[in-house]
């Protein structure tokens, strides 16, 4: 119908923000084997063998290391998968998810 106004407005500015990122931290313990940590890093976090070994040594010497930075859902999912894998093999491996 001519001459009739609509209530639809064009929005010229949109506030889109990047999703918050979370780092997954793996902690050293006296029971989880170095080989198992490398396995977790390669199979859950998709690190290369060399990168996984370097991270494992960093965890061993420093006490912890950031193994990846992801959106919240992915970080929690990877952390849970690694923890379940560790429990299935009777290791007390500890991981944590923290905002970046």
C-alpha atoms as a PDB file:
ATOM      1  CA  UNK A   1       0.000   0.000   0.000  1.00  0.00           C
ATOM      2  CA  UNK A   2       1.504   3.276  -1.058  1.00  0.00           C
ATOM      3  CA  UNK A   3       2.247   5.885   1.575  1.00  0.00           C
ATOM      4  CA  UNK A   4       2.299   3.423   4.474  1.00  0.00           C
ATOM      5  CA  UNK A   5       5.321   3.416   6.786  1.00  0.00           C
ATOM      6  CA  UNK A   6       6.887   0.210   7.986  1.00  0.00           C
ATOM      7  CA  UNK A   7       8.365  -0.371  11.395  1.00  0.00           C
ATOM      8  CA  UNK A   8      11.474  -2.045  10.011  1.00  0.00           C
ATOM      9  CA  UNK A   9      14.718  -0.133  10.489  1.00  0.00           C
ATOM     10  CA  UNK A  10      18.042  -0.702   8.847  1.00  0.00           C
ATOM     11  CA  UNK A  11      20.725  -1.249  11.391  1.00  0.00           C
ATOM     12  CA  UNK A  12      23.972   0.296  10.264  1.00  0.00           C
ATOM     13  CA  UNK A  13      26.168  -0.710  13.195  1.00  0.00           C
ATOM     14  CA  UNK A  14      26.516  -4.225  14.569  1.00  0.00           C
ATOM     15  CA  UNK A  15      28.472  -5.039  17.713  1.00  0.00           C
ATOM     16  CA  UNK A  16      30.084  -8.359  16.901  1.00  0.00           C
ATOM     17  CA  UNK A  17      32.858  -9.543  19.140  1.00  0.00           C
ATOM     18  CA  UNK A  18      35.204 -12.469  18.917  1.00  0.00           C
ATOM     19  CA  UNK A  19      34.250 -15.241  21.358  1.00  0.00           C
ATOM     20  CA  UNK A  20      36.331 -15.325  24.500  1.00  0.00           C
ATOM     21  CA  UNK A  21      39.262 -17.737  24.318  1.00  0.00           C
ATOM     22  CA  UNK A  22      40.273 -20.249  26.973  1.00  0.00           C
ATOM     23  CA  UNK A  23      43.637 -21.871  27.550  1.00  0.00           C
ATOM     24  CA  UNK A  24      43.903 -25.526  28.473  1.00  0.00           C
ATOM     25  CA  UNK A  25      46.651 -26.154  31.005  1.00  0.00           C
ATOM     26  CA  UNK A  26      48.143 -29.559  31.765  1.00  0.00           C
ATOM     27  CA  UNK A  27      49.837 -30.196  35.115  1.00  0.00           C
ATOM     28  CA  UNK A  28      52.722 -32.410  36.115  1.00  0.00           C
ATOM     29  CA  UNK A  29      52.244 -35.278  38.529  1.00  0.00           C
ATOM     30  CA  UNK A  30      54.459 -38.095  39.789  1.00  0.00           C
ATOM     31  CA  UNK A  31      52.424 -40.943  38.305  1.00  0.00           C
ATOM     32  CA  UNK A  32      51.361 -40.168  34.726  1.00  0.00           C
ATOM     33  CA  UNK A  33      54.033 -41.453  32.362  1.00  0.00           C
ATOM     34  CA  UNK A  34      55.767 -39.166  29.903  1.00  0.00           C
ATOM     35  CA  UNK A  35      54.737 -41.450  27.041  1.00  0.00           C
ATOM     36  CA  UNK A  36      51.083 -41.167  28.047  1.00  0.00           C
ATOM     37  CA  UNK A  37      51.274 -37.356  28.169  1.00  0.00           C
ATOM     38  CA  UNK A  38      52.722 -37.390  24.637  1.00  0.00           C
ATOM     39  CA  UNK A  39      49.882 -39.702  23.548  1.00  0.00           C
ATOM     40  CA  UNK A  40      47.272 -37.304  24.980  1.00  0.00           C
ATOM     41  CA  UNK A  41      48.923 -34.310  23.339  1.00  0.00           C
ATOM     42  CA  UNK A  42      49.052 -35.988  19.917  1.00  0.00           C
ATOM     43  CA  UNK A  43      45.630 -37.660  19.958  1.00  0.00           C
ATOM     44  CA  UNK A  44      43.471 -35.091  21.793  1.00  0.00           C
ATOM     45  CA  UNK A  45      45.264 -31.807  21.097  1.00  0.00           C
ATOM     46  CA  UNK A  46      46.615 -32.818  17.656  1.00  0.00           C
ATOM     47  CA  UNK A  47      50.200 -31.801  18.373  1.00  0.00           C
ATOM     48  CA  UNK A  48      53.018 -33.179  16.252  1.00  0.00           C
ATOM     49  CA  UNK A  49      55.244 -35.768  17.924  1.00  0.00           C
ATOM     50  CA  UNK A  50      58.061 -33.203  18.307  1.00  0.00           C
ATOM     51  CA  UNK A  51      55.749 -30.512  19.694  1.00  0.00           C
ATOM     52  CA  UNK A  52      54.139 -33.018  22.088  1.00  0.00           C
ATOM     53  CA  UNK A  53      57.533 -34.110  23.409  1.00  0.00           C
ATOM     54  CA  UNK A  54      58.634 -30.489  23.904  1.00  0.00           C
ATOM     55  CA  UNK A  55      55.394 -29.688  25.781  1.00  0.00           C
ATOM     56  CA  UNK A  56      55.715 -32.835  27.899  1.00  0.00           C
ATOM     57  CA  UNK A  57      59.252 -31.850  28.907  1.00  0.00           C
ATOM     58  CA  UNK A  58      58.064 -28.338  29.697  1.00  0.00           C
ATOM     59  CA  UNK A  59      55.332 -29.764  31.952  1.00  0.00           C
ATOM     60  CA  UNK A  60      57.865 -32.088  33.576  1.00  0.00           C
ATOM     61  CA  UNK A  61      60.361 -29.297  34.326  1.00  0.00           C
ATOM     62  CA  UNK A  62      58.068 -26.305  34.908  1.00  0.00           C
ATOM     63  CA  UNK A  63      55.098 -28.041  36.538  1.00  0.00           C
ATOM     64  CA  UNK A  64      52.534 -27.038  33.915  1.00  0.00           C
ATOM     65  CA  UNK A  65      52.117 -25.835  30.351  1.00  0.00           C
ATOM     66  CA  UNK A  66      49.426 -24.361  28.135  1.00  0.00           C
ATOM     67  CA  UNK A  67      48.620 -27.001  25.525  1.00  0.00           C
ATOM     68  CA  UNK A  68      46.142 -24.977  23.484  1.00  0.00           C
ATOM     69  CA  UNK A  69      43.833 -21.973  23.333  1.00  0.00           C
ATOM     70  CA  UNK A  70      40.269 -22.517  22.141  1.00  0.00           C
ATOM     71  CA  UNK A  71      36.711 -21.277  22.433  1.00  0.00           C
ATOM     72  CA  UNK A  72      35.076 -22.386  25.692  1.00  0.00           C
ATOM     73  CA  UNK A  73      33.161 -25.393  24.333  1.00  0.00           C
ATOM     74  CA  UNK A  74      36.171 -26.803  22.506  1.00  0.00           C
ATOM     75  CA  UNK A  75      38.506 -26.217  25.472  1.00  0.00           C
ATOM     76  CA  UNK A  76      36.153 -28.006  27.870  1.00  0.00           C
ATOM     77  CA  UNK A  77      35.563 -30.835  25.400  1.00  0.00           C
ATOM     78  CA  UNK A  78      39.294 -31.459  24.908  1.00  0.00           C
ATOM     79  CA  UNK A  79      39.949 -31.220  28.638  1.00  0.00           C
ATOM     80  CA  UNK A  80      37.204 -33.771  29.392  1.00  0.00           C
ATOM     81  CA  UNK A  81      38.376 -36.137  26.656  1.00  0.00           C
ATOM     82  CA  UNK A  82      41.964 -36.043  27.953  1.00  0.00           C
ATOM     83  CA  UNK A  83      40.806 -36.558  31.552  1.00  0.00           C
ATOM     84  CA  UNK A  84      38.595 -39.525  30.594  1.00  0.00           C
ATOM     85  CA  UNK A  85      41.469 -41.046  28.645  1.00  0.00           C
ATOM     86  CA  UNK A  86      43.762 -40.656  31.666  1.00  0.00           C
ATOM     87  CA  UNK A  87      41.234 -42.224  34.046  1.00  0.00           C
ATOM     88  CA  UNK A  88      40.730 -45.177  31.689  1.00  0.00           C
ATOM     89  CA  UNK A  89      44.482 -45.788  31.975  1.00  0.00           C
ATOM     90  CA  UNK A  90      44.474 -45.171  35.756  1.00  0.00           C
ATOM     91  CA  UNK A  91      46.502 -41.955  35.585  1.00  0.00           C
ATOM     92  CA  UNK A  92      45.704 -38.913  37.764  1.00  0.00           C
ATOM     93  CA  UNK A  93      46.529 -36.425  34.968  1.00  0.00           C
ATOM     94  CA  UNK A  94      45.104 -32.976  35.764  1.00  0.00           C
ATOM     95  CA  UNK A  95      44.020 -30.366  33.244  1.00  0.00           C
ATOM     96  CA  UNK A  96      42.389 -26.986  33.707  1.00  0.00           C
ATOM     97  CA  UNK A  97      40.565 -24.516  31.502  1.00  0.00           C
ATOM     98  CA  UNK A  98      41.133 -20.780  32.206  1.00  0.00           C
ATOM     99  CA  UNK A  99      40.125 -17.618  30.358  1.00  0.00           C
ATOM    100  CA  UNK A 100      42.967 -16.169  28.330  1.00  0.00           C
END
